[in-house]
Full PDB file with SEQRES, HELIX, SHEET, SSBOND, CRYST1, ORIGX, SCALE, CONECT and MASTER records, all heavy atoms in Angstrom:
SEQRES   1 A   35  GLY LEU GLU ALA ILE ARG ARG ARG SER VAL GLU ASP ALA          
SEQRES   2 A   35  GLY SER GLY LEU GLN ALA HIS VAL THR LEU LEU TYR PRO          
SEQRES   3 A   35  PHE VAL PRO VAL ARG ASP LEU ASN ASP                          
HELIX    1 AA1 LEU A    2  SER A    9  1                                   8    
HELIX    2 AA2 GLU A   11  SER A   15  5                                   5    
HELIX    3 AA3 VAL A   30  ASP A   32  5                                   3    
CRYST1    1.000    1.000    1.000  90.00  90.00  90.00 P 1           1          
ORIGX1      1.000000  0.000000  0.000000        0.00000                         
ORIGX2      0.000000  1.000000  0.000000        0.00000                         
ORIGX3      0.000000  0.000000  1.000000        0.00000                         
SCALE1      1.000000  0.000000  0.000000        0.00000                         
SCALE2      0.000000  1.000000  0.000000        0.00000                         
SCALE3      0.000000  0.000000  1.000000        0.00000                         
ATOM      1  N   GLY A   1     210.665-129.572 -41.037  1.00  0.00           N  
ATOM      2  CA  GLY A   1     212.110-129.356 -41.054  1.00  0.00           C  
ATOM      3  C   GLY A   1     212.562-128.269 -40.096  1.00  0.00           C  
ATOM      4  O   GLY A   1     213.550-128.415 -39.400  1.00  0.00           O  
ATOM      5  N   LEU A   2     211.809-127.167 -40.072  1.00  0.00           N  
ATOM      6  CA  LEU A   2     212.160-126.084 -39.132  1.00  0.00           C  
ATOM      7  C   LEU A   2     211.910-126.490 -37.674  1.00  0.00           C  
ATOM      8  O   LEU A   2     212.661-126.108 -36.783  1.00  0.00           O  
ATOM      9  CB  LEU A   2     211.415-124.808 -39.470  1.00  0.00           C  
ATOM     10  CG  LEU A   2     211.875-124.090 -40.741  1.00  0.00           C  
ATOM     11  CD1 LEU A   2     211.043-122.850 -40.986  1.00  0.00           C  
ATOM     12  CD2 LEU A   2     213.355-123.746 -40.668  1.00  0.00           C  
ATOM     13  N   GLU A   3     210.853-127.277 -37.450  1.00  0.00           N  
ATOM     14  CA  GLU A   3     210.623-127.779 -36.098  1.00  0.00           C  
ATOM     15  C   GLU A   3     211.798-128.659 -35.652  1.00  0.00           C  
ATOM     16  O   GLU A   3     212.204-128.607 -34.494  1.00  0.00           O  
ATOM     17  CB  GLU A   3     209.290-128.537 -36.025  1.00  0.00           C  
ATOM     18  CG  GLU A   3     208.998-129.131 -34.655  1.00  0.00           C  
ATOM     19  CD  GLU A   3     208.899-128.122 -33.522  1.00  0.00           C  
ATOM     20  OE1 GLU A   3     208.673-126.894 -33.740  1.00  0.00           O  
ATOM     21  OE2 GLU A   3     209.015-128.538 -32.351  1.00  0.00           O  
ATOM     22  N   ALA A   4     212.332-129.466 -36.543  1.00  0.00           N  
ATOM     23  CA  ALA A   4     213.486-130.318 -36.197  1.00  0.00           C  
ATOM     24  C   ALA A   4     214.700-129.464 -35.832  1.00  0.00           C  
ATOM     25  O   ALA A   4     215.393-129.753 -34.859  1.00  0.00           O  
ATOM     26  CB  ALA A   4     213.820-131.258 -37.344  1.00  0.00           C  
ATOM     27  N   ILE A   5     214.935-128.397 -36.597  1.00  0.00           N  
ATOM     28  CA  ILE A   5     216.048-127.476 -36.255  1.00  0.00           C  
ATOM     29  C   ILE A   5     215.775-126.856 -34.891  1.00  0.00           C  
ATOM     30  O   ILE A   5     216.670-126.803 -34.041  1.00  0.00           O  
ATOM     31  CB  ILE A   5     216.191-126.385 -37.327  1.00  0.00           C  
ATOM     32  CG1 ILE A   5     216.660-126.988 -38.653  1.00  0.00           C  
ATOM     33  CG2 ILE A   5     217.199-125.301 -36.864  1.00  0.00           C  
ATOM     34  CD1 ILE A   5     216.623-126.000 -39.831  1.00  0.00           C  
ATOM     35  N   ARG A   6     214.564-126.391 -34.658  1.00  0.00           N  
ATOM     36  CA  ARG A   6     214.207-125.754 -33.381  1.00  0.00           C  
ATOM     37  C   ARG A   6     214.426-126.701 -32.211  1.00  0.00           C  
ATOM     38  O   ARG A   6     214.992-126.329 -31.170  1.00  0.00           O  
ATOM     39  CB  ARG A   6     212.754-125.244 -33.415  1.00  0.00           C  
ATOM     40  CG  ARG A   6     212.354-124.388 -32.206  1.00  0.00           C  
ATOM     41  CD  ARG A   6     210.880-124.128 -32.183  1.00  0.00           C  
ATOM     42  NE  ARG A   6     210.139-125.283 -31.733  1.00  0.00           N  
ATOM     43  CZ  ARG A   6     209.929-125.609 -30.448  1.00  0.00           C  
ATOM     44  NH1 ARG A   6     210.424-124.861 -29.488  1.00  0.00           N  
ATOM     45  NH2 ARG A   6     209.245-126.685 -30.129  1.00  0.00           N  
ATOM     46  N   ARG A   7     214.014-127.950 -32.373  1.00  0.00           N  
ATOM     47  CA  ARG A   7     214.152-128.932 -31.278  1.00  0.00           C  
ATOM     48  C   ARG A   7     215.636-129.162 -30.936  1.00  0.00           C  
ATOM     49  O   ARG A   7     215.954-129.410 -29.787  1.00  0.00           O  
ATOM     50  CB  ARG A   7     213.467-130.226 -31.636  1.00  0.00           C  
ATOM     51  CG  ARG A   7     211.955-130.057 -31.603  1.00  0.00           C  
ATOM     52  CD  ARG A   7     211.287-131.414 -31.499  1.00  0.00           C  
ATOM     53  NE  ARG A   7     210.009-131.323 -30.830  1.00  0.00           N  
ATOM     54  CZ  ARG A   7     209.824-131.215 -29.523  1.00  0.00           C  
ATOM     55  NH1 ARG A   7     210.825-131.126 -28.691  1.00  0.00           N  
ATOM     56  NH2 ARG A   7     208.611-131.163 -29.016  1.00  0.00           N  
ATOM     57  N   ARG A   8     216.509-129.047 -31.920  1.00  0.00           N  
ATOM     58  CA  ARG A   8     217.943-129.211 -31.672  1.00  0.00           C  
ATOM     59  C   ARG A   8     218.585-127.955 -31.144  1.00  0.00           C  
ATOM     60  O   ARG A   8     219.658-128.019 -30.540  1.00  0.00           O  
ATOM     61  CB  ARG A   8     218.680-129.592 -32.977  1.00  0.00           C  
ATOM     62  CG  ARG A   8     218.381-130.940 -33.544  1.00  0.00           C  
ATOM     63  CD  ARG A   8     219.334-131.294 -34.691  1.00  0.00           C  
ATOM     64  NE  ARG A   8     219.543-130.250 -35.707  1.00  0.00           N  
ATOM     65  CZ  ARG A   8     218.866-130.106 -36.838  1.00  0.00           C  
ATOM     66  NH1 ARG A   8     217.911-130.987 -37.136  1.00  0.00           N  
ATOM     67  NH2 ARG A   8     219.124-129.145 -37.691  1.00  0.00           N  
ATOM     68  N   SER A   9     218.000-126.795 -31.415  1.00  0.00           N  
ATOM     69  CA  SER A   9     218.718-125.521 -31.272  1.00  0.00           C  
ATOM     70  C   SER A   9     218.102-124.548 -30.264  1.00  0.00           C  
ATOM     71  O   SER A   9     218.631-123.447 -30.097  1.00  0.00           O  
ATOM     72  CB  SER A   9     218.794-124.827 -32.621  1.00  0.00           C  
ATOM     73  OG  SER A   9     219.375-125.700 -33.587  1.00  0.00           O  
ATOM     74  N   VAL A  10     217.007-124.923 -29.623  1.00  0.00           N  
ATOM     75  CA  VAL A  10     216.398-124.088 -28.577  1.00  0.00           C  
ATOM     76  C   VAL A  10     216.401-124.932 -27.296  1.00  0.00           C  
ATOM     77  O   VAL A  10     215.789-126.005 -27.260  1.00  0.00           O  
ATOM     78  CB  VAL A  10     214.967-123.644 -28.943  1.00  0.00           C  
ATOM     79  CG1 VAL A  10     214.277-122.972 -27.769  1.00  0.00           C  
ATOM     80  CG2 VAL A  10     214.997-122.762 -30.175  1.00  0.00           C  
ATOM     81  N   GLU A  11     217.090-124.439 -26.294  1.00  0.00           N  
ATOM     82  CA  GLU A  11     217.275-125.208 -25.046  1.00  0.00           C  
ATOM     83  C   GLU A  11     215.990-125.734 -24.463  1.00  0.00           C  
ATOM     84  O   GLU A  11     215.896-126.917 -24.112  1.00  0.00           O  
ATOM     85  CB  GLU A  11     218.014-124.326 -24.009  1.00  0.00           C  
ATOM     86  CG  GLU A  11     218.260-125.059 -22.710  1.00  0.00           C  
ATOM     87  CD  GLU A  11     218.900-124.169 -21.656  1.00  0.00           C  
ATOM     88  OE1 GLU A  11     219.286-123.035 -21.953  1.00  0.00           O  
ATOM     89  OE2 GLU A  11     219.032-124.659 -20.520  1.00  0.00           O  
ATOM     90  N   ASP A  12     214.956-124.895 -24.347  1.00  0.00           N  
ATOM     91  CA  ASP A  12     213.716-125.336 -23.695  1.00  0.00           C  
ATOM     92  C   ASP A  12     212.803-126.152 -24.599  1.00  0.00           C  
ATOM     93  O   ASP A  12     211.752-126.643 -24.148  1.00  0.00           O  
ATOM     94  CB  ASP A  12     212.957-124.131 -23.156  1.00  0.00           C  
ATOM     95  CG  ASP A  12     213.523-123.625 -21.843  1.00  0.00           C  
ATOM     96  OD1 ASP A  12     214.235-124.378 -21.175  1.00  0.00           O  
ATOM     97  OD2 ASP A  12     213.215-122.463 -21.496  1.00  0.00           O  
ATOM     98  N   ALA A  13     213.151-126.324 -25.859  1.00  0.00           N  
ATOM     99  CA  ALA A  13     212.309-127.129 -26.763  1.00  0.00           C  
ATOM    100  C   ALA A  13     212.205-128.579 -26.256  1.00  0.00           C  
ATOM    101  O   ALA A  13     211.153-129.207 -26.401  1.00  0.00           O  
ATOM    102  CB  ALA A  13     212.837-127.093 -28.185  1.00  0.00           C  
ATOM    103  N   GLY A  14     213.257-129.089 -25.659  1.00  0.00           N  
ATOM    104  CA  GLY A  14     213.247-130.440 -25.108  1.00  0.00           C  
ATOM    105  C   GLY A  14     212.523-130.521 -23.773  1.00  0.00           C  
ATOM    106  O   GLY A  14     212.350-131.583 -23.212  1.00  0.00           O  
ATOM    107  N   SER A  15     212.118-129.369 -23.263  1.00  0.00           N  
ATOM    108  CA  SER A  15     211.434-129.312 -21.967  1.00  0.00           C  
ATOM    109  C   SER A  15     209.936-128.989 -22.112  1.00  0.00           C  
ATOM    110  O   SER A  15     209.308-128.453 -21.201  1.00  0.00           O  
ATOM    111  CB  SER A  15     212.082-128.217 -21.081  1.00  0.00           C  
ATOM    112  OG  SER A  15     213.433-128.507 -20.864  1.00  0.00           O  
ATOM    113  N   GLY A  16     209.409-129.281 -23.300  1.00  0.00           N  
ATOM    114  CA  GLY A  16     207.994-129.084 -23.522  1.00  0.00           C  
ATOM    115  C   GLY A  16     207.598-127.726 -24.066  1.00  0.00           C  
ATOM    116  O   GLY A  16     206.405-127.473 -24.252  1.00  0.00           O  
ATOM    117  N   LEU A  17     208.554-126.844 -24.303  1.00  0.00           N  
ATOM    118  CA  LEU A  17     208.226-125.524 -24.841  1.00  0.00           C  
ATOM    119  C   LEU A  17     207.977-125.635 -26.340  1.00  0.00           C  
ATOM    120  O   LEU A  17     208.888-125.914 -27.117  1.00  0.00           O  
ATOM    121  CB  LEU A  17     209.348-124.510 -24.568  1.00  0.00           C  
ATOM    122  CG  LEU A  17     209.060-123.082 -24.962  1.00  0.00           C  
ATOM    123  CD1 LEU A  17     207.856-122.525 -24.207  1.00  0.00           C  
ATOM    124  CD2 LEU A  17     210.283-122.197 -24.746  1.00  0.00           C  
ATOM    125  N   GLN A  18     206.753-125.425 -26.754  1.00  0.00           N  
ATOM    126  CA  GLN A  18     206.358-125.537 -28.164  1.00  0.00           C  
ATOM    127  C   GLN A  18     206.790-124.289 -28.923  1.00  0.00           C  
ATOM    128  O   GLN A  18     207.120-123.243 -28.326  1.00  0.00           O  
ATOM    129  CB  GLN A  18     204.868-125.736 -28.263  1.00  0.00           C  
ATOM    130  CG  GLN A  18     204.075-124.514 -27.771  1.00  0.00           C  
ATOM    131  CD  GLN A  18     202.696-124.842 -27.275  1.00  0.00           C  
ATOM    132  OE1 GLN A  18     202.541-125.506 -26.268  1.00  0.00           O  
ATOM    133  NE2 GLN A  18     201.710-124.384 -27.989  1.00  0.00           N  
ATOM    134  N   ALA A  19     206.813-124.370 -30.238  1.00  0.00           N  
ATOM    135  CA  ALA A  19     207.088-123.220 -31.075  1.00  0.00           C  
ATOM    136  C   ALA A  19     205.974-122.177 -30.823  1.00  0.00           C  
ATOM    137  O   ALA A  19     204.810-122.534 -30.639  1.00  0.00           O  
ATOM    138  CB  ALA A  19     207.102-123.617 -32.546  1.00  0.00           C  
ATOM    139  N   HIS A  20     206.350-120.903 -30.814  1.00  0.00           N  
ATOM    140  CA  HIS A  20     205.389-119.885 -30.412  1.00  0.00           C  
ATOM    141  C   HIS A  20     205.864-118.482 -30.727  1.00  0.00           C  
ATOM    142  O   HIS A  20     207.050-118.260 -31.005  1.00  0.00           O  
ATOM    143  CB  HIS A  20     205.162-119.985 -28.889  1.00  0.00           C  
ATOM    144  CG  HIS A  20     206.369-119.657 -28.108  1.00  0.00           C  
ATOM    145  ND1 HIS A  20     207.387-120.569 -27.869  1.00  0.00           N  
ATOM    146  CD2 HIS A  20     206.818-118.497 -27.530  1.00  0.00           C  
ATOM    147  CE1 HIS A  20     208.349-120.009 -27.169  1.00  0.00           C  
ATOM    148  NE2 HIS A  20     208.037-118.724 -26.941  1.00  0.00           N  
ATOM    149  N   VAL A  21     204.940-117.528 -30.627  1.00  0.00           N  
ATOM    150  CA  VAL A  21     205.218-116.103 -30.564  1.00  0.00           C  
ATOM    151  C   VAL A  21     204.969-115.707 -29.098  1.00  0.00           C  
ATOM    152  O   VAL A  21     203.879-115.919 -28.573  1.00  0.00           O  
ATOM    153  CB  VAL A  21     204.309-115.293 -31.503  1.00  0.00           C  
ATOM    154  CG1 VAL A  21     204.525-113.792 -31.292  1.00  0.00           C  
ATOM    155  CG2 VAL A  21     204.559-115.676 -32.959  1.00  0.00           C  
ATOM    156  N   THR A  22     205.988-115.194 -28.457  1.00  0.00           N  
ATOM    157  CA  THR A  22     205.892-114.772 -27.046  1.00  0.00           C  
ATOM    158  C   THR A  22     205.131-113.441 -26.956  1.00  0.00           C  
ATOM    159  O   THR A  22     205.499-112.478 -27.638  1.00  0.00           O  
ATOM    160  CB  THR A  22     207.274-114.603 -26.402  1.00  0.00           C  
ATOM    161  OG1 THR A  22     207.997-115.820 -26.543  1.00  0.00           O  
ATOM    162  CG2 THR A  22     207.176-114.210 -24.958  1.00  0.00           C  
ATOM    163  N   LEU A  23     204.118-113.405 -26.114  1.00  0.00           N  
ATOM    164  CA  LEU A  23     203.370-112.152 -25.888  1.00  0.00           C  
ATOM    165  C   LEU A  23     203.772-111.498 -24.586  1.00  0.00           C  
ATOM    166  O   LEU A  23     204.003-110.284 -24.571  1.00  0.00           O  
ATOM    167  CB  LEU A  23     201.850-112.452 -25.884  1.00  0.00           C  
ATOM    168  CG  LEU A  23     201.307-113.038 -27.176  1.00  0.00           C  
ATOM    169  CD1 LEU A  23     199.855-113.448 -27.009  1.00  0.00           C  
ATOM    170  CD2 LEU A  23     201.478-112.063 -28.337  1.00  0.00           C  
ATOM    171  N   LEU A  24     203.851-112.229 -23.494  1.00  0.00           N  
ATOM    172  CA  LEU A  24     204.324-111.704 -22.217  1.00  0.00           C  
ATOM    173  C   LEU A  24     205.147-112.792 -21.519  1.00  0.00           C  
ATOM    174  O   LEU A  24     204.679-113.911 -21.292  1.00  0.00           O  
ATOM    175  CB  LEU A  24     203.159-111.300 -21.297  1.00  0.00           C  
ATOM    176  CG  LEU A  24     202.383-110.055 -21.678  1.00  0.00           C  
ATOM    177  CD1 LEU A  24     201.261-109.810 -20.669  1.00  0.00           C  
ATOM    178  CD2 LEU A  24     203.255-108.828 -21.810  1.00  0.00           C  
ATOM    179  N   TYR A  25     206.373-112.429 -21.192  1.00  0.00           N  
ATOM    180  CA  TYR A  25     207.278-113.289 -20.445  1.00  0.00           C  
ATOM    181  C   TYR A  25     208.401-112.442 -19.851  1.00  0.00           C  
ATOM    182  O   TYR A  25     208.912-111.596 -20.584  1.00  0.00           O  
ATOM    183  CB  TYR A  25     207.896-114.376 -21.336  1.00  0.00           C  
ATOM    184  CG  TYR A  25     209.021-115.112 -20.645  1.00  0.00           C  
ATOM    185  CD1 TYR A  25     208.731-116.187 -19.809  1.00  0.00           C  
ATOM    186  CD2 TYR A  25     210.342-114.724 -20.814  1.00  0.00           C  
ATOM    187  CE1 TYR A  25     209.758-116.835 -19.132  1.00  0.00           C  
ATOM    188  CE2 TYR A  25     211.356-115.386 -20.175  1.00  0.00           C  
ATOM    189  CZ  TYR A  25     211.060-116.433 -19.332  1.00  0.00           C  
ATOM    190  OH  TYR A  25     212.065-117.078 -18.651  1.00  0.00           O  
ATOM    191  N   PRO A  26     208.727-112.600 -18.611  1.00  0.00           N  
ATOM    192  CA  PRO A  26     208.047-113.414 -17.619  1.00  0.00           C  
ATOM    193  C   PRO A  26     206.695-112.807 -17.251  1.00  0.00           C  
ATOM    194  O   PRO A  26     206.534-111.591 -17.269  1.00  0.00           O  
ATOM    195  CB  PRO A  26     208.993-113.424 -16.425  1.00  0.00           C  
ATOM    196  CG  PRO A  26     209.821-112.190 -16.594  1.00  0.00           C  
ATOM    197  CD  PRO A  26     209.886-111.896 -18.066  1.00  0.00           C  
ATOM    198  N   PHE A  27     205.744-113.692 -16.938  1.00  0.00           N  
ATOM    199  CA  PHE A  27     204.403-113.243 -16.630  1.00  0.00           C  
ATOM    200  C   PHE A  27     204.155-113.386 -15.131  1.00  0.00           C  
ATOM    201  O   PHE A  27     205.070-113.486 -14.346  1.00  0.00           O  
ATOM    202  CB  PHE A  27     203.406-114.032 -17.481  1.00  0.00           C  
ATOM    203  CG  PHE A  27     201.998-113.546 -17.445  1.00  0.00           C  
ATOM    204  CD1 PHE A  27     201.704-112.207 -17.670  1.00  0.00           C  
ATOM    205  CD2 PHE A  27     200.955-114.392 -17.184  1.00  0.00           C  
ATOM    206  CE1 PHE A  27     200.380-111.746 -17.626  1.00  0.00           C  
ATOM    207  CE2 PHE A  27     199.645-113.959 -17.151  1.00  0.00           C  
ATOM    208  CZ  PHE A  27     199.361-112.634 -17.352  1.00  0.00           C  
ATOM    209  N   VAL A  28     202.912-113.402 -14.745  1.00  0.00           N  
ATOM    210  CA  VAL A  28     202.496-113.454 -13.340  1.00  0.00           C  
ATOM    211  C   VAL A  28     203.152-114.620 -12.603  1.00  0.00           C  
ATOM    212  O   VAL A  28     203.181-115.733 -13.158  1.00  0.00           O  
ATOM    213  CB  VAL A  28     200.946-113.580 -13.255  1.00  0.00           C  
ATOM    214  CG1 VAL A  28     200.476-113.772 -11.863  1.00  0.00           C  
ATOM    215  CG2 VAL A  28     200.292-112.368 -13.897  1.00  0.00           C  
ATOM    216  N   PRO A  29     203.678-114.401 -11.389  1.00  0.00           N  
ATOM    217  CA  PRO A  29     204.214-115.526 -10.635  1.00  0.00           C  
ATOM    218  C   PRO A  29     203.172-116.642 -10.467  1.00  0.00           C  
ATOM    219  O   PRO A  29     201.978-116.330 -10.305  1.00  0.00           O  
ATOM    220  CB  PRO A  29     204.584-114.918  -9.270  1.00  0.00           C  
ATOM    221  CG  PRO A  29     204.779-113.454  -9.551  1.00  0.00           C  
ATOM    222  CD  PRO A  29     203.796-113.115 -10.664  1.00  0.00           C  
ATOM    223  N   VAL A  30     203.596-117.862 -10.490  1.00  0.00           N  
ATOM    224  CA  VAL A  30     202.692-119.021 -10.413  1.00  0.00           C  
ATOM    225  C   VAL A  30     201.755-118.880  -9.206  1.00  0.00           C  
ATOM    226  O   VAL A  30     200.555-119.137  -9.317  1.00  0.00           O  
ATOM    227  CB  VAL A  30     203.493-120.349 -10.370  1.00  0.00           C  
ATOM    228  CG1 VAL A  30     202.569-121.520 -10.124  1.00  0.00           C  
ATOM    229  CG2 VAL A  30     204.279-120.531 -11.657  1.00  0.00           C  
ATOM    230  N   ARG A  31     202.285-118.466  -8.071  1.00  0.00           N  
ATOM    231  CA  ARG A  31     201.456-118.376  -6.853  1.00  0.00           C  
ATOM    232  C   ARG A  31     200.343-117.356  -6.974  1.00  0.00           C  
ATOM    233  O   ARG A  31     199.364-117.401  -6.260  1.00  0.00           O  
ATOM    234  CB  ARG A  31     202.343-118.041  -5.646  1.00  0.00           C  
ATOM    235  CG  ARG A  31     202.892-116.646  -5.681  1.00  0.00           C  
ATOM    236  CD  ARG A  31     203.774-116.282  -4.474  1.00  0.00           C  
ATOM    237  NE  ARG A  31     204.336-114.952  -4.633  1.00  0.00           N  
ATOM    238  CZ  ARG A  31     205.396-114.656  -5.358  1.00  0.00           C  
ATOM    239  NH1 ARG A  31     206.041-115.588  -6.011  1.00  0.00           N  
ATOM    240  NH2 ARG A  31     205.816-113.402  -5.437  1.00  0.00           N  
ATOM    241  N   ASP A  32     200.449-116.400  -7.963  1.00  0.00           N  
ATOM    242  CA  ASP A  32     199.442-115.370  -8.137  1.00  0.00           C  
ATOM    243  C   ASP A  32     198.451-115.677  -9.253  1.00  0.00           C  
ATOM    244  O   ASP A  32     197.560-114.860  -9.500  1.00  0.00           O  
ATOM    245  CB  ASP A  32     200.117-114.006  -8.400  1.00  0.00           C  
ATOM    246  CG  ASP A  32     200.925-113.548  -7.190  1.00  0.00           C  
ATOM    247  OD1 ASP A  32     200.628-113.947  -6.053  1.00  0.00           O  
ATOM    248  OD2 ASP A  32     201.865-112.739  -7.409  1.00  0.00           O  
ATOM    249  N   LEU A  33     198.617-116.805  -9.923  1.00  0.00           N  
ATOM    250  CA  LEU A  33     197.649-117.193 -10.960  1.00  0.00           C  
ATOM    251  C   LEU A  33     196.331-117.552 -10.258  1.00  0.00           C  
ATOM    252  O   LEU A  33     196.289-118.433  -9.424  1.00  0.00           O  
ATOM    253  CB  LEU A  33     198.133-118.377 -11.783  1.00  0.00           C  
ATOM    254  CG  LEU A  33     199.288-118.111 -12.729  1.00  0.00           C  
ATOM    255  CD1 LEU A  33     199.712-119.421 -13.397  1.00  0.00           C  
ATOM    256  CD2 LEU A  33     198.892-117.092 -13.767  1.00  0.00           C  
ATOM    257  N   ASN A  34     195.281-116.820 -10.596  1.00  0.00           N  
ATOM    258  CA  ASN A  34     193.993-117.081  -9.965  1.00  0.00           C  
ATOM    259  C   ASN A  34     192.903-116.841 -10.982  1.00  0.00           C  
ATOM    260  O   ASN A  34     193.171-116.504 -12.147  1.00  0.00           O  
ATOM    261  CB  ASN A  34     193.811-116.202  -8.720  1.00  0.00           C  
ATOM    262  CG  ASN A  34     193.947-114.732  -9.035  1.00  0.00           C  
ATOM    263  OD1 ASN A  34     193.460-114.250 -10.055  1.00  0.00           O  
ATOM    264  ND2 ASN A  34     194.623-113.980  -8.144  1.00  0.00           N  
ATOM    265  N   ASP A  35     191.655-117.014 -10.545  1.00  0.00           N  
ATOM    266  CA  ASP A  35     190.539-116.859 -11.481  1.00  0.00           C  
ATOM    267  C   ASP A  35     190.462-115.445 -12.033  1.00  0.00           C  
ATOM    268  O   ASP A  35     190.088-115.254 -13.193  1.00  0.00           O  
ATOM    269  CB  ASP A  35     189.220-117.215 -10.771  1.00  0.00           C  
ATOM    270  CG  ASP A  35     189.105-118.696 -10.490  1.00  0.00           C  
ATOM    271  OD1 ASP A  35     189.850-119.492 -11.086  1.00  0.00           O  
ATOM    272  OD2 ASP A  35     188.240-119.070  -9.629  1.00  0.00           O  
TER     273      ASP A  35                                                      
MASTER        0    0    0    3    0    0    0    6  272    1    0    3          
END                                                                             
């Protein structure tokens, strides 16, 4: 039930963003992600 509310009420939920606890955001730029 809460996931259904979240999917309707969080903009990025429809863009593949799962329910979560954010630890770091914004994080490393994509171009700098490396081993």
